[in-house]
Structures are given as C-alpha cells and as structure tokens.
C-alpha atoms as a PDB file:
ATOM      1  CA  MET A   1     -29.139  92.504 -20.278  1.00  0.00           C
ATOM      2  CA  THR A   2     -29.939  90.148 -17.410  1.00  0.00           C
ATOM      3  CA  ARG A   3     -27.370  87.381 -16.649  1.00  0.00           C
ATOM      4  CA  ARG A   4     -28.599  83.902 -15.717  1.00  0.00           C
ATOM      5  CA  PRO A   5     -27.007  82.247 -12.665  1.00  0.00           C
ATOM      6  CA  PRO A   6     -24.713  79.235 -13.540  1.00  0.00           C
ATOM      7  CA  ARG A   7     -26.231  75.758 -13.258  1.00  0.00           C
ATOM      8  CA  ARG A   8     -25.038  73.565 -10.450  1.00  0.00           C
ATOM      9  CA  ARG A   9     -24.078  70.011 -11.292  1.00  0.00           C
ATOM     10  CA  ARG A  10     -25.490  67.360  -9.061  1.00  0.00           C
ATOM     11  CA  PRO A  11     -22.853  64.965  -7.599  1.00  0.00           C
ATOM     12  CA  ARG A  12     -23.069  61.440  -9.037  1.00  0.00           C
ATOM     13  CA  ALA A  13     -24.091  58.691  -6.662  1.00  0.00           C
ATOM     14  CA  ALA A  14     -21.613  55.797  -6.371  1.00  0.00           C
ATOM     15  CA  SER A  15     -22.752  52.935  -8.554  1.00  0.00           C
ATOM     16  CA  ALA A  16     -23.234  49.501  -6.988  1.00  0.00           C
ATOM     17  CA  GLY A  17     -23.184  47.868 -10.404  1.00  0.00           C
ATOM     18  CA  PRO A  18     -20.398  47.019 -12.815  1.00  0.00           C
ATOM     19  CA  ARG A  19     -19.355  50.681 -13.053  1.00  0.00           C
ATOM     20  CA  GLY A  20     -17.935  50.787  -9.519  1.00  0.00           C
ATOM     21  CA  THR A  21     -15.035  53.087  -8.713  1.00  0.00           C
ATOM     22  CA  ARG A  22     -11.399  52.034  -8.924  1.00  0.00           C
ATOM     23  CA  ARG A  23     -11.193  52.274  -5.157  1.00  0.00           C
ATOM     24  CA  GLY A  24     -14.069  49.797  -4.904  1.00  0.00           C
ATOM     25  CA  PHE A  25     -12.254  47.310  -7.164  1.00  0.00           C
ATOM     26  CA  LEU A  26      -9.071  47.571  -5.099  1.00  0.00           C
ATOM     27  CA  ALA A  27     -10.957  46.969  -1.871  1.00  0.00           C
ATOM     28  CA  ALA A  28     -12.694  43.904  -3.293  1.00  0.00           C
ATOM     29  CA  GLY A  29      -9.380  42.522  -4.554  1.00  0.00           C
ATOM     30  CA  ALA A  30      -7.770  42.956  -1.147  1.00  0.00           C
ATOM     31  CA  ALA A  31     -10.643  41.064   0.481  1.00  0.00           C
ATOM     32  CA  LEU A  32     -10.176  38.121  -1.911  1.00  0.00           C
ATOM     33  CA  VAL A  33      -6.430  37.987  -1.270  1.00  0.00           C
ATOM     34  CA  GLY A  34      -7.060  38.022   2.460  1.00  0.00           C
ATOM     35  CA  LEU A  35      -9.533  35.150   2.159  1.00  0.00           C
ATOM     36  CA  GLY A  36      -7.071  33.103   0.130  1.00  0.00           C
ATOM     37  CA  ALA A  37      -4.326  33.666   2.693  1.00  0.00           C
ATOM     38  CA  ALA A  38      -6.634  32.661   5.523  1.00  0.00           C
ATOM     39  CA  ARG A  39      -7.622  29.441   3.785  1.00  0.00           C
ATOM     40  CA  GLY A  40      -4.136  28.624   2.580  1.00  0.00           C
ATOM     41  CA  SER A  41      -3.173  25.847   0.170  1.00  0.00           C
ATOM     42  CA  GLY A  42      -2.533  22.242   0.973  1.00  0.00           C
ATOM     43  CA  ALA A  43      -0.466  19.236  -0.058  1.00  0.00           C
ATOM     44  CA  TYR A  44      -3.449  16.983  -0.344  1.00  0.00           C
ATOM     45  CA  THR A  45      -5.718  15.365  -2.847  1.00  0.00           C
ATOM     46  CA  ALA A  46      -8.895  16.686  -1.200  1.00  0.00           C
ATOM     47  CA  ALA A  47      -9.537  18.972   1.752  1.00  0.00           C
ATOM     48  CA  SER A  48     -12.283  21.077   3.336  1.00  0.00           C
ATOM     49  CA  LEU A  49     -13.072  23.469   6.163  1.00  0.00           C
ATOM     50  CA  GLY A  50     -15.985  23.161   8.577  1.00  0.00           C
ATOM     51  CA  ARG A  51     -18.466  24.503   6.030  1.00  0.00           C
ATOM     52  CA  GLY A  52     -17.207  22.236   3.270  1.00  0.00           C
ATOM     53  CA  SER A  53     -15.281  24.917   1.367  1.00  0.00           C
ATOM     54  CA  ALA A  54     -12.855  23.393  -1.109  1.00  0.00           C
ATOM     55  CA  LEU A  55      -9.172  24.232  -0.724  1.00  0.00           C
ATOM     56  CA  PRO A  56      -6.773  24.544  -3.669  1.00  0.00           C
ATOM     57  CA  VAL A  57      -4.121  21.885  -4.263  1.00  0.00           C
ATOM     58  CA  ALA A  58      -0.474  22.939  -3.962  1.00  0.00           C
ATOM     59  CA  SER A  59       2.905  21.249  -3.857  1.00  0.00           C
ATOM     60  CA  ASP A  60       3.819  19.089  -0.868  1.00  0.00           C
ATOM     61  CA  ALA A  61       6.535  21.518   0.204  1.00  0.00           C
ATOM     62  CA  ALA A  62       4.188  24.539   0.235  1.00  0.00           C
ATOM     63  CA  GLY A  63       1.102  22.876   1.663  1.00  0.00           C
ATOM     64  CA  VAL A  64      -0.487  23.633   5.007  1.00  0.00           C
ATOM     65  CA  LEU A  65      -0.123  19.907   5.604  1.00  0.00           C
ATOM     66  CA  GLY A  66       3.530  19.442   4.687  1.00  0.00           C
ATOM     67  CA  LEU A  67       4.499  16.059   3.250  1.00  0.00           C
ATOM     68  CA  ASP A  68       8.159  15.158   2.826  1.00  0.00           C
ATOM     69  CA  VAL A  69       7.933  11.819   0.976  1.00  0.00           C
ATOM     70  CA  ALA A  70      11.038   9.634   0.795  1.00  0.00           C
ATOM     71  CA  PRO A  71      12.041   9.083  -2.852  1.00  0.00           C
ATOM     72  CA  SER A  72      12.529   5.372  -2.102  1.00  0.00           C
ATOM     73  CA  VAL A  73      12.477   2.856   0.754  1.00  0.00           C
ATOM     74  CA  ALA A  74      14.796  -0.124   1.186  1.00  0.00           C
ATOM     75  CA  ALA A  75      13.339  -3.636   1.188  1.00  0.00           C
ATOM     76  CA  GLY A  76      14.519  -5.832   4.027  1.00  0.00           C
ATOM     77  CA  ALA A  77      14.870  -2.964   6.549  1.00  0.00           C
ATOM     78  CA  GLU A  78      12.808  -0.239   8.203  1.00  0.00           C
ATOM     79  CA  SER A  79      12.952   3.026   6.251  1.00  0.00           C
ATOM     80  CA  ARG A  80      11.477   6.513   6.584  1.00  0.00           C
ATOM     81  CA  LEU A  81       8.427   6.753   4.337  1.00  0.00           C
ATOM     82  CA  VAL A  82       7.070  10.272   4.919  1.00  0.00           C
ATOM     83  CA  THR A  83       7.426  13.181   7.332  1.00  0.00           C
ATOM     84  CA  VAL A  84       4.118  14.956   7.980  1.00  0.00           C
ATOM     85  CA  THR A  85       4.346  18.566   9.278  1.00  0.00           C
ATOM     86  CA  ASN A  86       1.363  20.450  10.675  1.00  0.00           C
ATOM     87  CA  ARG A  87       1.168  23.951   9.143  1.00  0.00           C
ATOM     88  CA  VAL A  88      -2.590  24.282   9.661  1.00  0.00           C
ATOM     89  CA  GLY A  89      -2.149  26.583  12.678  1.00  0.00           C
ATOM     90  CA  ARG A  90      -4.050  24.371  15.100  1.00  0.00           C
ATOM     91  CA  PRO A  91      -3.750  20.766  16.398  1.00  0.00           C
ATOM     92  CA  VAL A  92      -4.549  18.045  13.877  1.00  0.00           C
ATOM     93  CA  ALA A  93      -4.886  14.257  14.167  1.00  0.00           C
ATOM     94  CA  VAL A  94      -2.819  12.474  11.524  1.00  0.00           C
ATOM     95  CA  THR A  95      -3.074   8.847  10.369  1.00  0.00           C
ATOM     96  CA  ALA A  96      -1.081   7.044   7.657  1.00  0.00           C
ATOM     97  CA  THR A  97      -2.215   3.798   6.006  1.00  0.00           C
ATOM     98  CA  LEU A  98      -0.912   1.570   3.216  1.00  0.00           C
ATOM     99  CA  ALA A  99      -3.054   1.100   0.128  1.00  0.00           C
ATOM    100  CA  GLU A 100      -1.955  -2.560  -0.121  1.00  0.00           C
ATOM    101  CA  PRO A 101      -0.625  -4.990   2.550  1.00  0.00           C
ATOM    102  CA  VAL A 102       2.929  -4.863   1.181  1.00  0.00           C
ATOM    103  CA  GLY A 103       4.686  -3.808   4.388  1.00  0.00           C
ATOM    104  CA  THR A 104       4.334  -2.755   8.012  1.00  0.00           C
ATOM    105  CA  LEU A 105       4.034   0.872   9.144  1.00  0.00           C
ATOM    106  CA  SER A 106       5.368   2.215  12.437  1.00  0.00           C
ATOM    107  CA  ASN A 107       4.694   5.565  14.142  1.00  0.00           C
ATOM    108  CA  ASP A 108       1.757   5.878  11.762  1.00  0.00           C
ATOM    109  CA  ALA A 109      -0.648   8.003  13.859  1.00  0.00           C
ATOM    110  CA  GLY A 110      -0.579  10.934  16.267  1.00  0.00           C
ATOM    111  CA  THR A 111      -1.931  14.360  17.181  1.00  0.00           C
ATOM    112  CA  LEU A 112       0.359  17.183  16.057  1.00  0.00           C
ATOM    113  CA  ALA A 113       0.477  20.669  17.506  1.00  0.00           C
ATOM    114  CA  SER A 114       1.046  23.509  15.048  1.00  0.00           C
ATOM    115  CA  GLY A 115       4.552  23.177  13.622  1.00  0.00           C
ATOM    116  CA  ASP A 116       5.101  19.605  14.883  1.00  0.00           C
ATOM    117  CA  SER A 117       6.053  16.697  12.610  1.00  0.00           C
ATOM    118  CA  LEU A 118       5.348  12.962  12.487  1.00  0.00           C
ATOM    119  CA  VAL A 119       7.945  10.646  10.911  1.00  0.00           C
ATOM    120  CA  VAL A 120       6.247   7.531   9.509  1.00  0.00           C
ATOM    121  CA  ALA A 121       8.418   4.488   8.765  1.00  0.00           C
ATOM    122  CA  VAL A 122       7.725   1.356   6.738  1.00  0.00           C
ATOM    123  CA  GLU A 123       9.315  -2.094   6.615  1.00  0.00           C
ATOM    124  CA  VAL A 124       9.002  -4.033   3.357  1.00  0.00           C
ATOM    125  CA  SER A 125      10.010  -7.686   3.188  1.00  0.00           C
ATOM    126  CA  CYS A 126      12.496  -8.882   0.593  1.00  0.00           C
ATOM    127  CA  ASP A 127      10.060 -11.690  -0.216  1.00  0.00           C
ATOM    128  CA  ASP A 128       8.029 -10.504  -3.226  1.00  0.00           C
ATOM    129  CA  ALA A 129       9.058  -6.869  -2.694  1.00  0.00           C
ATOM    130  CA  PRO A 130       6.791  -4.543  -4.738  1.00  0.00           C
ATOM    131  CA  ALA A 131       8.076  -1.897  -7.139  1.00  0.00           C
ATOM    132  CA  ALA A 132       6.501   0.870  -5.045  1.00  0.00           C
ATOM    133  CA  VAL A 133       4.588   1.533  -1.825  1.00  0.00           C
ATOM    134  CA  THR A 134       1.374   3.569  -2.098  1.00  0.00           C
ATOM    135  CA  PHE A 135       0.060   5.179   1.086  1.00  0.00           C
ATOM    136  CA  THR A 136      -2.558   7.660   2.278  1.00  0.00           C
ATOM    137  CA  VAL A 137      -2.220  10.407   4.911  1.00  0.00           C
ATOM    138  CA  GLU A 138      -5.384  11.711   6.577  1.00  0.00           C
ATOM    139  CA  ALA A 139      -5.535  14.768   8.845  1.00  0.00           C
ATOM    140  CA  THR A 140      -8.489  16.160  10.795  1.00  0.00           C
ATOM    141  CA  ALA A 141      -9.015  19.021  13.265  1.00  0.00           C
ATOM    142  CA  ALA A 142     -11.755  19.674  15.820  1.00  0.00           C
ATOM    143  CA  ASP A 143     -13.160  22.647  13.877  1.00  0.00           C
ATOM    144  CA  GLY A 144     -14.026  20.504  10.871  1.00  0.00           C
ATOM    145  CA  PHE A 145     -10.808  20.820   8.882  1.00  0.00           C
ATOM    146  CA  SER A 146      -9.901  17.620   7.023  1.00  0.00           C
ATOM    147  CA  ALA A 147      -7.340  16.679   4.401  1.00  0.00           C
ATOM    148  CA  VAL A 148      -6.466  13.465   2.540  1.00  0.00           C
ATOM    149  CA  ALA A 149      -3.324  12.840   0.483  1.00  0.00           C
ATOM    150  CA  THR A 150      -2.254   9.748  -1.465  1.00  0.00           C
ATOM    151  CA  ARG A 151       1.409   9.393  -2.367  1.00  0.00           C
ATOM    152  CA  ARG A 152       3.874   6.646  -3.326  1.00  0.00           C
ATOM    153  CA  ALA A 153       7.539   5.823  -2.848  1.00  0.00           C
ATOM    154  CA  SER A 154       9.574   3.389  -4.924  1.00  0.00           C
ATOM    155  CA  VAL A 155      11.073   0.270  -3.316  1.00  0.00           C
ATOM    156  CA  ASP A 156      14.801  -0.444  -3.602  1.00  0.00           C
ATOM    157  CA  ALA A 157      15.430  -4.201  -3.354  1.00  0.00           C
ATOM    158  CA  ALA A 158      19.122  -4.048  -4.269  1.00  0.00           C
ATOM    159  CA  GLY A 159      20.140  -4.955  -0.711  1.00  0.00           C
ATOM    160  CA  CYS A 160      18.090  -8.150  -0.637  1.00  0.00           C
ATOM    161  CA  ALA A 161      20.322 -11.206  -0.783  1.00  0.00           C
ATOM    162  CA  PRO A 162      19.123 -14.026  -3.040  1.00  0.00           C
ATOM    163  CA  PRO A 163      17.652 -16.963  -1.113  1.00  0.00           C
ATOM    164  CA  ALA A 164      20.130 -19.648  -0.183  1.00  0.00           C
ATOM    165  CA  ALA A 165      20.079 -22.665  -2.458  1.00  0.00           C
ATOM    166  CA  ARG A 166      18.553 -25.629  -0.644  1.00  0.00           C
ATOM    167  CA  PRO A 167      19.267 -29.284  -1.353  1.00  0.00           C
ATOM    168  CA  SER A 168      17.113 -31.233  -3.799  1.00  0.00           C
ATOM    169  CA  PHE A 169      16.861 -34.710  -5.244  1.00  0.00           C
ATOM    170  CA  ALA A 170      19.112 -35.143  -8.256  1.00  0.00           C
ATOM    171  CA  ALA A 171      17.605 -38.622  -8.648  1.00  0.00           C
ATOM    172  CA  LEU A 172      14.877 -40.554  -6.862  1.00  0.00           C
ATOM    173  CA  GLU A 173      13.467 -44.002  -7.605  1.00  0.00           C
ATOM    174  CA  ILE A 174      10.876 -46.074  -5.724  1.00  0.00           C
ATOM    175  CA  VAL A 175      10.687 -49.764  -6.682  1.00  0.00           C
ATOM    176  CA  ASP A 176       8.076 -52.312  -5.545  1.00  0.00           C
ATOM    177  CA  THR A 177       9.898 -55.632  -4.987  1.00  0.00           C
ATOM    178  CA  SER A 178       7.094 -57.330  -3.026  1.00  0.00           C
ATOM    179  CA  THR A 179       6.632 -61.087  -3.391  1.00  0.00           C
ATOM    180  CA  SER A 180       3.883 -63.591  -2.717  1.00  0.00           C
ATOM    181  CA  ARG A 181       6.453 -66.143  -1.629  1.00  0.00           C
ATOM    182  CA  ARG A 182       7.801 -66.582   1.889  1.00  0.00           C
ATOM    183  CA  GLY A 183       4.500 -65.737   3.509  1.00  0.00           C
ATOM    184  CA  GLY A 184       3.569 -62.834   1.218  1.00  0.00           C
ATOM    185  CA  ARG A 185       5.977 -60.010   1.958  1.00  0.00           C
ATOM    186  CA  ALA A 186       5.562 -56.306   1.082  1.00  0.00           C
ATOM    187  CA  ARG A 187       8.910 -54.809   0.091  1.00  0.00           C
ATOM    188  CA  TYR A 188      10.030 -51.452  -1.325  1.00  0.00           C
ATOM    189  CA  ASP A 189      13.433 -49.970  -2.190  1.00  0.00           C
ATOM    190  CA  VAL A 190      13.888 -46.189  -2.296  1.00  0.00           C
ATOM    191  CA  GLY A 191      17.131 -45.087  -3.957  1.00  0.00           C
ATOM    192  CA  TYR A 192      18.161 -41.424  -4.148  1.00  0.00           C
ATOM    193  CA  VAL A 193      20.944 -38.945  -4.901  1.00  0.00           C
ATOM    194  CA  VAL A 194      20.897 -35.529  -3.171  1.00  0.00           C
ATOM    195  CA  ASP A 195      22.162 -32.372  -4.863  1.00  0.00           C
ATOM    196  CA  ASP A 196      23.566 -30.221  -2.013  1.00  0.00           C
ATOM    197  CA  PRO A 197      25.131 -26.978  -3.377  1.00  0.00           C
ATOM    198  CA  ASP A 198      25.530 -25.224   0.017  1.00  0.00           C
ATOM    199  CA  GLY A 199      26.357 -28.224   2.164  1.00  0.00           C
ATOM    200  CA  SER A 200      23.212 -27.844   4.265  1.00  0.00           C
ATOM    201  CA  PHE A 201      21.818 -31.365   3.674  1.00  0.00           C
ATOM    202  CA  ASP A 202      20.734 -33.136   6.869  1.00  0.00           C
ATOM    203  CA  ARG A 203      18.835 -36.329   6.073  1.00  0.00           C
ATOM    204  CA  VAL A 204      16.241 -38.193   4.015  1.00  0.00           C
ATOM    205  CA  GLU A 205      13.228 -39.788   5.666  1.00  0.00           C
ATOM    206  CA  VAL A 206      10.857 -42.305   4.045  1.00  0.00           C
ATOM    207  CA  THR A 207       7.543 -43.261   5.662  1.00  0.00           C
ATOM    208  CA  PHE A 208       5.750 -46.460   4.615  1.00  0.00           C
ATOM    209  CA  THR A 209       2.081 -46.590   5.617  1.00  0.00           C
ATOM    210  CA  ASN A 210      -0.115 -49.647   5.139  1.00  0.00           C
ATOM    211  CA  ARG A 211      -3.398 -47.894   4.464  1.00  0.00           C
ATOM    212  CA  GLY A 212      -5.523 -51.009   5.004  1.00  0.00           C
ATOM    213  CA  ARG A 213      -4.036 -51.900   8.390  1.00  0.00           C
ATOM    214  CA  SER A 214      -3.020 -48.445   9.776  1.00  0.00           C
ATOM    215  CA  GLU A 215       0.594 -49.580  10.120  1.00  0.00           C
ATOM    216  CA  THR A 216       3.458 -47.089   9.680  1.00  0.00           C
ATOM    217  CA  GLU A 217       7.235 -47.488   9.596  1.00  0.00           C
ATOM    218  CA  THR A 218       9.922 -44.850   8.935  1.00  0.00           C
ATOM    219  CA  ALA A 219      13.453 -45.249   7.603  1.00  0.00           C
ATOM    220  CA  ALA A 220      16.058 -42.472   7.525  1.00  0.00           C
ATOM    221  CA  SER A 221      19.585 -41.831   6.236  1.00  0.00           C
ATOM    222  CA  ALA A 222      22.078 -38.967   6.555  1.00  0.00           C
ATOM    223  CA  ALA A 223      23.973 -40.107   3.442  1.00  0.00           C
ATOM    224  CA  ALA A 224      23.639 -37.974   0.317  1.00  0.00           C
ATOM    225  CA  VAL A 225      23.522 -41.157  -1.818  1.00  0.00           C
ATOM    226  CA  ASP A 226      21.737 -44.189  -0.419  1.00  0.00           C
ATOM    227  CA  THR A 227      18.963 -46.765  -0.752  1.00  0.00           C
ATOM    228  CA  LEU A 228      16.375 -47.179   1.995  1.00  0.00           C
ATOM    229  CA  SER A 229      14.577 -50.512   2.058  1.00  0.00           C
ATOM    230  CA  PHE A 230      11.296 -51.553   3.682  1.00  0.00           C
ATOM    231  CA  GLU A 231      10.021 -55.087   4.211  1.00  0.00           C
ATOM    232  CA  GLN A 232       6.875 -56.264   6.025  1.00  0.00           C
ATOM    233  CA  PRO A 233       6.042 -59.999   6.252  1.00  0.00           C
ATOM    234  CA  GLY A 234       2.796 -61.660   7.328  1.00  0.00           C
ATOM    235  CA  GLN A 235       0.544 -61.799   4.282  1.00  0.00           C
ATOM    236  CA  ARG A 236       1.102 -58.146   3.295  1.00  0.00           C
ATOM    237  CA  PHE A 237       1.395 -58.930  -0.381  1.00  0.00           C
ATOM    238  CA  GLY A 238      -1.215 -56.926  -2.320  1.00  0.00           C
ATOM    239  CA  ASP A 239      -1.879 -54.485   0.536  1.00  0.00           C
ATOM    240  CA  PRO A 240      -2.284 -50.781  -0.336  1.00  0.00           C
ATOM    241  CA  TYR A 241       0.633 -48.555   0.747  1.00  0.00           C
ATOM    242  CA  ARG A 242       1.428 -44.865   0.830  1.00  0.00           C
ATOM    243  CA  ILE A 243       5.137 -44.006   0.552  1.00  0.00           C
ATOM    244  CA  THR A 244       6.253 -40.496   1.528  1.00  0.00           C
ATOM    245  CA  VAL A 245       9.823 -39.284   0.882  1.00  0.00           C
ATOM    246  CA  ARG A 246      11.042 -36.162   2.713  1.00  0.00           C
ATOM    247  CA  LEU A 247      14.274 -34.221   2.354  1.00  0.00           C
ATOM    248  CA  PHE A 248      15.663 -32.131   5.236  1.00  0.00           C
ATOM    249  CA  ASP A 249      18.393 -29.506   5.542  1.00  0.00           C
ATOM    250  CA  ALA A 250      19.655 -27.471   8.491  1.00  0.00           C
ATOM    251  CA  SER A 251      16.560 -25.261   8.525  1.00  0.00           C
ATOM    252  CA  GLY A 252      13.966 -28.052   8.280  1.00  0.00           C
ATOM    253  CA  GLU A 253      12.092 -29.947   5.604  1.00  0.00           C
ATOM    254  CA  VAL A 254      12.504 -28.868   1.995  1.00  0.00           C
ATOM    255  CA  GLU A 255       8.814 -29.133   1.230  1.00  0.00           C
ATOM    256  CA  SER A 256       9.249 -28.601  -2.491  1.00  0.00           C
ATOM    257  CA  ALA A 257      11.222 -31.867  -2.617  1.00  0.00           C
ATOM    258  CA  ARG A 258       8.560 -34.008  -0.919  1.00  0.00           C
ATOM    259  CA  VAL A 259       7.297 -36.995  -2.934  1.00  0.00           C
ATOM    260  CA  GLU A 260       4.247 -39.060  -2.033  1.00  0.00           C
ATOM    261  CA  VAL A 261       2.946 -42.048  -3.971  1.00  0.00           C
ATOM    262  CA  THR A 262       0.370 -44.809  -3.416  1.00  0.00           C
ATOM    263  CA  ASP A 263       0.798 -48.376  -4.598  1.00  0.00           C
ATOM    264  CA  ASP A 264      -0.437 -51.911  -4.091  1.00  0.00           C
ATOM    265  CA  ALA A 265       2.415 -54.141  -2.909  1.00  0.00           C
ATOM    266  CA  ASP A 266       2.216 -56.574  -5.837  1.00  0.00           C
ATOM    267  CA  GLY A 267       5.844 -56.590  -6.994  1.00  0.00           C
ATOM    268  CA  GLY A 268       5.077 -54.426  -9.990  1.00  0.00           C
ATOM    269  CA  GLY A 269       8.527 -52.834 -10.216  1.00  0.00           C
ATOM    270  CA  VAL A 270       9.198 -49.101 -10.594  1.00  0.00           C
ATOM    271  CA  VAL A 271       6.561 -46.991  -8.859  1.00  0.00           C
ATOM    272  CA  PHE A 272       8.283 -43.587  -9.203  1.00  0.00           C
ATOM    273  CA  ASP A 273      11.317 -42.389 -11.138  1.00  0.00           C
ATOM    274  CA  SER A 274      12.348 -38.704 -11.189  1.00  0.00           C
ATOM    275  CA  SER A 275      14.793 -39.102 -14.075  1.00  0.00           C
END
C-alpha cells in the first residue's frame, strides 16, 4: 500500500480589512492615544491648529490654556479677574477683553512663553455696578494655533458706600409781584426752605433774565431759609423773563434741584410752587 505525502497548509496572508490581527488593533489604538496627547485639550470655547483641526474642550484647570477665573470681583476697587497660564508648549500672544463696557481692564495683553502666566485685573465702578463681568480671552501662536474662551465672574458690591445725601428744596415758591405803577416795575420774590441732611448746603442762586432786552441779574443767599427779591424799574412791566433757581452744596451744583420757569412780568401772582 502506497502512502500519500501529507498536505502542506499555506500560511494565511494578513488581512487589511476588518479582520485585522489583535496586534494590528493595539498598534492603531496606540497611534490614536499618541495623537490625542500631542493635540492636548484646552480650556476654551473654540480652538484649532494650523490645519484647522478641532480640539476637544476640557476644564479650565486641565486645559493647555489654563484659566484661573476669580469667583468674584469687588466693585469700587481693582481686583484680579483671571490668571492665564500658557501650557501650549510654545509662545502664545494673549489678549483679554470685556464683553460689555462695565469696567476697565489692566495688564490685559502680552506674549507668554511656555509655562508663563498673565494676571488680568479689572476695576468696576460702584455706580451702576453689574451683577457679573463677562470677558473673553484669545490666544494665538505663530504656527497657527488659536484659542478663544468666554468666561464670567460675579461682582460683589457690598463694599460700595451709599451716595451721600445732598441738600434739596423742601419748599420753593416764585411769585410775580410786578406792577404797572411807579414807572412799570418788574418784581419777583423767590422764597425757599432747604433740606440739608448732611450739613453740606452752601448757597442758593437765582438768575433773572429779561429775554426781550438781554438783561441778567443774579441774587444769592447762604441761608437755608430765605426770600430773594428782584426788582427792575423803567417800563419793564409785561416784559418776558426767565427765572432760574440753583442749589449748591460743598461739591457743586445739585443739578436735580434746579428749577427754571418763564413768565411775563404782569403781576400775576404765584408762578411756581413746589408744595
């Protein structure tokens, strides 16, 4: 009986399709991990490399562009807003801007070497202090890297003192006492009472302007309760006048207290009464 020689099995060629070897899958996985590590993650809203590749978003603390945002800033003083740290591995140009004109930034731009930081400060006025400050940080590098982040910090206005109370008119009356007798005289009496809670009252000034003749006279008093009188003879009866009453304290005119009226000097009685 003749024996047949055993058949030899041909070695299988490595498949390039979905049935690749386990070693092939491991190598491909390692390549992807290496690419992710090279690109990194960033604390930004949008970012790209030179070829426009999108980068994943990560927390501020772990980002290649580190952002340490202050939880709040104090109104009425300069406060740290954000510390920007360059973890890109190459120099980057950083600029910070406010989304709304609610304050003033300082140290808001610079070129950072790898590992360097930029501390951006903001000063928010106590006048109409907002609830929060929204700002944007932009970073660019020469090789095409760019990143943009928008963040916000709340505003603490607890240290803002209330505005000092300024004096005001508790009462003000302007009376036309002009007469056609005695040559036709224009005459006005301005009586007032000043409410001065902080003792800062300085004076009251009243300007009488004859609008038809371009004549102006001013009377003033430093008394908190007084009557200022104006009289102009020489056929001024019936002339048109503008009477302006101004109140002043130690810091200047209290513009909210200003009163201005126009009247014909005909002896018609009360022209203005604040009560």
